[in-house]
N, C-alpha and C. Protein backbone atom coordinates (compact mmCIF):
# COMPACT_ATOMS: atom_id res chain seq x y z
N MET A 1 16.67 -23.00 -65.25
CA MET A 1 17.74 -21.78 -65.93
C MET A 1 18.96 -22.19 -66.67
N GLN A 2 19.10 -21.86 -67.96
CA GLN A 2 20.05 -22.01 -68.57
C GLN A 2 21.01 -21.18 -69.33
N ILE A 3 22.37 -21.33 -68.88
CA ILE A 3 22.89 -20.50 -69.69
C ILE A 3 23.93 -20.92 -70.69
N ILE A 4 23.86 -20.30 -71.97
CA ILE A 4 24.92 -20.48 -73.11
C ILE A 4 25.77 -19.39 -73.09
N PHE A 5 27.00 -20.43 -73.15
CA PHE A 5 28.47 -19.35 -72.95
C PHE A 5 28.52 -19.20 -75.09
N ALA A 6 28.75 -18.12 -74.87
CA ALA A 6 29.06 -17.33 -76.18
C ALA A 6 30.71 -17.69 -76.30
N SER A 7 31.01 -17.34 -77.38
CA SER A 7 32.94 -16.87 -77.41
C SER A 7 33.58 -16.13 -76.73
N PHE A 8 32.52 -14.84 -76.35
CA PHE A 8 33.12 -13.94 -75.45
C PHE A 8 33.24 -14.14 -74.22
N GLY A 9 32.47 -15.08 -73.41
CA GLY A 9 33.11 -15.62 -72.27
C GLY A 9 32.24 -14.49 -71.30
N LEU A 10 32.42 -14.89 -70.23
CA LEU A 10 31.68 -13.85 -69.02
C LEU A 10 32.42 -12.83 -69.07
N PRO A 11 31.21 -12.34 -68.36
CA PRO A 11 31.84 -10.66 -68.18
C PRO A 11 33.01 -10.60 -66.63
N SER A 12 34.07 -9.99 -66.91
CA SER A 12 35.08 -10.46 -65.41
C SER A 12 34.88 -9.14 -64.72
N GLU A 13 34.43 -8.25 -65.51
CA GLU A 13 34.81 -7.28 -64.38
C GLU A 13 33.75 -6.42 -64.42
N SER A 14 33.25 -5.39 -63.28
CA SER A 14 32.32 -4.78 -63.16
C SER A 14 32.83 -3.56 -63.89
N SER A 15 31.62 -2.53 -63.89
CA SER A 15 32.04 -0.95 -64.44
C SER A 15 33.78 0.08 -63.72
N THR A 16 33.41 -0.63 -62.49
CA THR A 16 34.86 -0.12 -61.60
C THR A 16 36.24 -0.78 -61.90
N GLY A 17 36.00 -1.88 -62.60
CA GLY A 17 37.07 -2.66 -62.76
C GLY A 17 37.28 -3.81 -61.53
N ARG A 18 36.26 -4.04 -60.72
CA ARG A 18 36.12 -4.83 -59.80
C ARG A 18 35.84 -6.29 -60.46
N LYS A 19 36.24 -7.26 -60.11
CA LYS A 19 36.22 -8.78 -60.82
C LYS A 19 34.94 -9.10 -59.88
N VAL A 20 34.09 -9.33 -61.19
CA VAL A 20 32.51 -10.18 -60.57
C VAL A 20 32.36 -11.51 -60.90
N ALA A 21 32.58 -12.04 -62.39
CA ALA A 21 32.46 -13.45 -62.38
C ALA A 21 33.23 -14.11 -63.39
N THR A 22 33.92 -15.42 -63.26
CA THR A 22 34.62 -15.59 -64.12
C THR A 22 34.29 -17.78 -64.17
N ARG A 23 33.64 -18.04 -63.49
CA ARG A 23 32.92 -19.20 -63.94
C ARG A 23 31.26 -19.00 -63.62
N LYS A 24 30.81 -19.72 -64.26
CA LYS A 24 29.15 -20.21 -64.57
C LYS A 24 28.34 -20.37 -63.26
N GLU A 25 29.28 -20.77 -62.37
CA GLU A 25 28.39 -20.77 -61.10
C GLU A 25 28.48 -19.73 -60.34
N GLU A 26 29.18 -18.86 -60.31
CA GLU A 26 29.28 -17.25 -59.54
C GLU A 26 28.97 -16.77 -60.55
N LEU A 27 28.27 -16.99 -61.60
CA LEU A 27 27.14 -15.93 -62.21
C LEU A 27 26.19 -16.74 -62.04
N ASN A 28 25.54 -17.68 -61.68
CA ASN A 28 24.15 -17.77 -61.25
C ASN A 28 24.03 -17.66 -59.74
N GLU A 29 24.94 -17.44 -58.78
CA GLU A 29 24.90 -16.51 -57.34
C GLU A 29 24.65 -15.39 -58.08
N LEU A 30 24.88 -14.45 -59.01
CA LEU A 30 24.95 -13.21 -59.00
C LEU A 30 22.81 -13.10 -59.01
N LEU A 31 22.81 -13.99 -60.26
CA LEU A 31 21.55 -13.85 -60.95
C LEU A 31 20.41 -13.89 -59.76
N GLY A 32 20.85 -15.19 -58.84
CA GLY A 32 19.93 -15.43 -57.63
C GLY A 32 20.03 -14.42 -56.87
N HIS A 33 21.11 -13.62 -56.38
CA HIS A 33 21.43 -12.71 -55.56
C HIS A 33 20.23 -11.57 -56.02
N PHE A 34 20.44 -11.15 -57.15
CA PHE A 34 19.30 -10.43 -57.42
C PHE A 34 18.42 -10.48 -58.24
N SER A 35 17.97 -11.45 -58.18
CA SER A 35 16.29 -12.03 -58.15
C SER A 35 16.24 -11.71 -60.02
N ILE A 36 16.99 -11.69 -60.74
CA ILE A 36 17.16 -12.31 -61.95
C ILE A 36 16.84 -13.12 -62.78
N ASP A 37 15.53 -13.14 -63.94
CA ASP A 37 15.12 -14.36 -64.17
C ASP A 37 15.36 -14.42 -65.83
N ILE A 38 16.16 -15.89 -66.26
CA ILE A 38 16.76 -15.73 -67.45
C ILE A 38 15.65 -16.70 -68.07
N GLU A 39 14.65 -16.95 -67.87
CA GLU A 39 13.76 -17.46 -68.81
C GLU A 39 13.30 -17.74 -70.29
N ASN A 40 13.24 -16.21 -69.75
CA ASN A 40 13.18 -15.28 -71.79
C ASN A 40 14.57 -15.08 -72.05
N PRO A 41 14.91 -16.10 -72.78
CA PRO A 41 16.41 -15.79 -73.64
C PRO A 41 16.23 -14.32 -74.69
N CYS A 42 17.69 -14.36 -74.46
CA CYS A 42 17.81 -12.92 -75.43
C CYS A 42 18.99 -13.21 -76.43
N ILE A 43 18.44 -13.36 -77.20
CA ILE A 43 19.88 -13.25 -78.43
C ILE A 43 20.00 -12.21 -79.37
N ILE A 44 21.55 -11.74 -79.38
CA ILE A 44 22.22 -10.38 -79.81
C ILE A 44 22.83 -11.10 -81.08
N MET A 45 22.63 -10.25 -82.04
CA MET A 45 22.95 -11.12 -83.58
C MET A 45 23.80 -9.49 -84.24
N GLY A 46 25.25 -10.02 -84.98
CA GLY A 46 25.46 -8.59 -85.88
C GLY A 46 24.96 -8.69 -86.65
N GLN A 47 24.97 -7.26 -87.12
CA GLN A 47 24.36 -7.10 -88.39
C GLN A 47 23.48 -8.20 -89.58
N ASP A 48 25.30 -8.60 -89.76
CA ASP A 48 25.05 -10.07 -90.96
C ASP A 48 24.48 -10.98 -90.65
N SER A 49 24.03 -11.62 -89.36
CA SER A 49 23.46 -12.56 -88.95
C SER A 49 21.90 -11.82 -88.96
N SER A 50 21.46 -10.82 -88.67
CA SER A 50 20.26 -10.18 -88.44
C SER A 50 19.66 -10.13 -89.78
N ARG A 51 20.33 -10.14 -91.15
CA ARG A 51 20.22 -9.80 -92.23
C ARG A 51 20.20 -11.22 -92.53
N ASP A 52 20.86 -12.14 -92.60
CA ASP A 52 20.56 -13.33 -92.95
C ASP A 52 19.57 -13.67 -92.74
N PHE A 53 18.76 -13.62 -91.01
CA PHE A 53 17.88 -14.35 -90.57
C PHE A 53 16.66 -13.83 -91.17
N LEU A 54 16.50 -12.55 -91.01
CA LEU A 54 15.32 -11.88 -91.70
C LEU A 54 14.94 -12.40 -92.88
N HIS A 55 16.00 -12.39 -93.76
CA HIS A 55 15.54 -12.38 -95.39
C HIS A 55 15.38 -14.08 -95.72
N SER A 56 15.60 -14.95 -94.69
CA SER A 56 16.13 -16.26 -94.76
C SER A 56 14.52 -16.87 -94.37
N GLY A 57 14.18 -18.25 -94.50
CA GLY A 57 12.42 -18.64 -94.26
C GLY A 57 11.15 -17.35 -94.72
N ASN A 58 10.16 -18.41 -94.20
CA ASN A 58 9.32 -17.59 -94.26
C ASN A 58 8.40 -16.99 -93.18
N ASP A 59 7.51 -16.02 -93.17
CA ASP A 59 7.07 -15.26 -91.27
C ASP A 59 6.61 -16.24 -90.17
N LYS A 60 5.89 -17.51 -90.77
CA LYS A 60 5.42 -18.48 -89.88
C LYS A 60 6.96 -19.11 -89.15
N ASP A 61 8.03 -18.88 -89.86
CA ASP A 61 8.95 -19.93 -88.97
C ASP A 61 9.80 -18.11 -88.16
N LYS A 62 9.76 -17.25 -88.13
CA LYS A 62 9.83 -16.51 -87.82
C LYS A 62 9.30 -15.70 -86.96
N PHE A 63 7.95 -15.93 -86.85
CA PHE A 63 7.16 -16.17 -85.65
C PHE A 63 7.30 -16.90 -84.34
N TRP A 64 8.04 -18.17 -84.82
CA TRP A 64 8.19 -19.29 -83.66
C TRP A 64 9.61 -19.37 -83.37
N ALA A 65 10.57 -18.53 -84.29
CA ALA A 65 12.10 -18.37 -83.83
C ALA A 65 11.92 -17.27 -82.47
N THR A 66 10.95 -16.33 -82.51
CA THR A 66 10.74 -15.44 -81.19
C THR A 66 9.59 -15.58 -79.95
N PHE A 67 9.34 -16.71 -80.51
CA PHE A 67 8.41 -17.05 -78.79
C PHE A 67 7.14 -16.34 -79.08
N LEU A 68 6.73 -16.20 -80.04
CA LEU A 68 5.61 -14.98 -79.80
C LEU A 68 4.59 -15.83 -80.05
N GLN A 69 4.51 -17.70 -80.08
CA GLN A 69 3.64 -18.23 -80.32
C GLN A 69 3.25 -18.66 -78.72
N GLN A 70 4.46 -18.96 -77.94
CA GLN A 70 4.22 -19.15 -76.48
C GLN A 70 3.46 -18.02 -76.05
N VAL A 71 3.73 -16.99 -76.06
CA VAL A 71 3.54 -15.48 -75.48
C VAL A 71 2.09 -15.27 -76.07
N ASP A 72 1.61 -15.43 -77.04
CA ASP A 72 0.27 -16.10 -76.98
C ASP A 72 -1.08 -16.77 -76.70
N ASP A 73 -0.28 -17.72 -76.93
CA ASP A 73 -0.65 -19.29 -75.46
C ASP A 73 -0.99 -18.76 -74.64
N LEU A 74 -0.14 -18.19 -73.99
CA LEU A 74 -0.36 -17.94 -72.52
C LEU A 74 -1.42 -17.23 -72.04
N LEU A 75 -1.08 -15.75 -73.01
CA LEU A 75 -2.09 -14.31 -73.19
C LEU A 75 -3.34 -15.26 -72.92
N HIS A 76 -3.54 -15.96 -73.83
CA HIS A 76 -4.98 -16.62 -74.39
C HIS A 76 -5.10 -17.33 -72.61
N SER A 77 -4.56 -18.23 -72.43
CA SER A 77 -4.91 -19.24 -71.33
C SER A 77 -5.10 -18.12 -69.71
N VAL A 78 -4.40 -17.03 -69.72
CA VAL A 78 -4.61 -15.92 -68.22
C VAL A 78 -5.82 -15.40 -68.77
N ASN A 79 -5.96 -14.79 -70.09
CA ASN A 79 -7.08 -14.73 -69.98
C ASN A 79 -8.52 -15.28 -70.23
N SER A 80 -8.82 -16.71 -70.37
CA SER A 80 -9.66 -17.76 -69.69
C SER A 80 -9.41 -17.60 -68.10
N GLN A 81 -8.59 -17.52 -67.50
CA GLN A 81 -8.48 -17.69 -66.60
C GLN A 81 -9.63 -16.70 -65.69
N LEU A 82 -8.85 -16.00 -66.11
CA LEU A 82 -9.73 -14.66 -65.21
C LEU A 82 -11.14 -14.73 -65.73
N ALA A 83 -11.23 -15.12 -66.89
CA ALA A 83 -12.79 -14.71 -67.22
C ALA A 83 -13.43 -15.13 -66.52
N ASP A 84 -12.84 -16.91 -65.91
CA ASP A 84 -13.61 -17.62 -64.96
C ASP A 84 -13.69 -17.12 -63.60
N ALA A 85 -12.33 -16.81 -63.13
CA ALA A 85 -12.47 -16.02 -61.72
C ALA A 85 -13.35 -14.69 -61.87
N ASN A 86 -13.37 -14.11 -62.69
CA ASN A 86 -14.94 -13.24 -62.78
C ASN A 86 -15.67 -13.64 -62.92
N GLY A 87 -16.49 -14.43 -63.46
CA GLY A 87 -17.78 -15.39 -62.99
C GLY A 87 -17.92 -16.17 -61.89
N HIS A 88 -17.27 -16.25 -61.49
CA HIS A 88 -16.94 -17.09 -59.88
C HIS A 88 -17.14 -15.80 -59.24
N LEU A 89 -16.29 -14.96 -58.86
CA LEU A 89 -16.59 -13.90 -58.19
C LEU A 89 -17.99 -13.34 -58.56
N ASP A 90 -18.56 -13.11 -59.44
CA ASP A 90 -19.83 -12.39 -60.15
C ASP A 90 -20.99 -13.48 -58.87
N HIS A 91 -20.43 -14.60 -59.11
CA HIS A 91 -21.45 -15.56 -58.64
C HIS A 91 -21.51 -15.43 -56.62
N LEU A 92 -20.16 -15.45 -56.12
CA LEU A 92 -20.07 -15.31 -54.85
C LEU A 92 -20.77 -13.79 -54.43
N GLU A 93 -20.76 -12.95 -55.86
CA GLU A 93 -21.32 -11.64 -54.51
C GLU A 93 -23.20 -11.81 -54.89
N ALA A 94 -23.57 -12.01 -56.09
CA ALA A 94 -24.65 -12.09 -56.08
C ALA A 94 -25.40 -13.26 -54.78
N SER A 95 -24.44 -14.34 -54.31
CA SER A 95 -25.03 -15.08 -53.24
C SER A 95 -24.84 -14.54 -51.80
N ILE A 96 -24.23 -13.12 -51.49
CA ILE A 96 -23.94 -12.64 -50.67
C ILE A 96 -25.12 -11.60 -50.27
N LYS A 97 -25.04 -11.13 -51.69
CA LYS A 97 -26.55 -9.68 -51.26
C LYS A 97 -27.62 -10.25 -50.73
N PRO A 98 -28.32 -11.66 -50.71
CA PRO A 98 -29.63 -11.57 -49.61
C PRO A 98 -28.93 -11.73 -47.61
N ILE A 99 -27.56 -11.52 -47.53
CA ILE A 99 -27.22 -11.99 -46.37
C ILE A 99 -27.11 -10.07 -46.00
N GLU A 100 -26.26 -9.15 -46.66
CA GLU A 100 -25.94 -8.02 -47.19
C GLU A 100 -27.46 -7.51 -46.35
N ARG A 101 -28.50 -7.40 -47.21
CA ARG A 101 -29.70 -6.63 -46.97
C ARG A 101 -30.33 -7.18 -45.66
N ASN A 102 -30.12 -8.32 -44.89
CA ASN A 102 -30.19 -8.29 -43.34
C ASN A 102 -29.62 -7.84 -42.44
């Protein structure tokens, strides 16, 4: 888990005004308590930054910047594993059919 602090800092109060977290360790404890996985980063950009990002570079750079390639690779890997598991399941089902008949 990696937490990068922006210039705005950590949220220090809940919606009711109660102090929530002021240090990185406290935030890590909150994330652990609520089982929040932050491995998939989210970046919020202002309008000017978004416009600059969208109008700069080529489409391949934007594809990589959004980690879509990793998601695509993971999906292909999972589909391959699922096909292997289904093949193994079919083999096992075929092997027990003679036993079920008896």
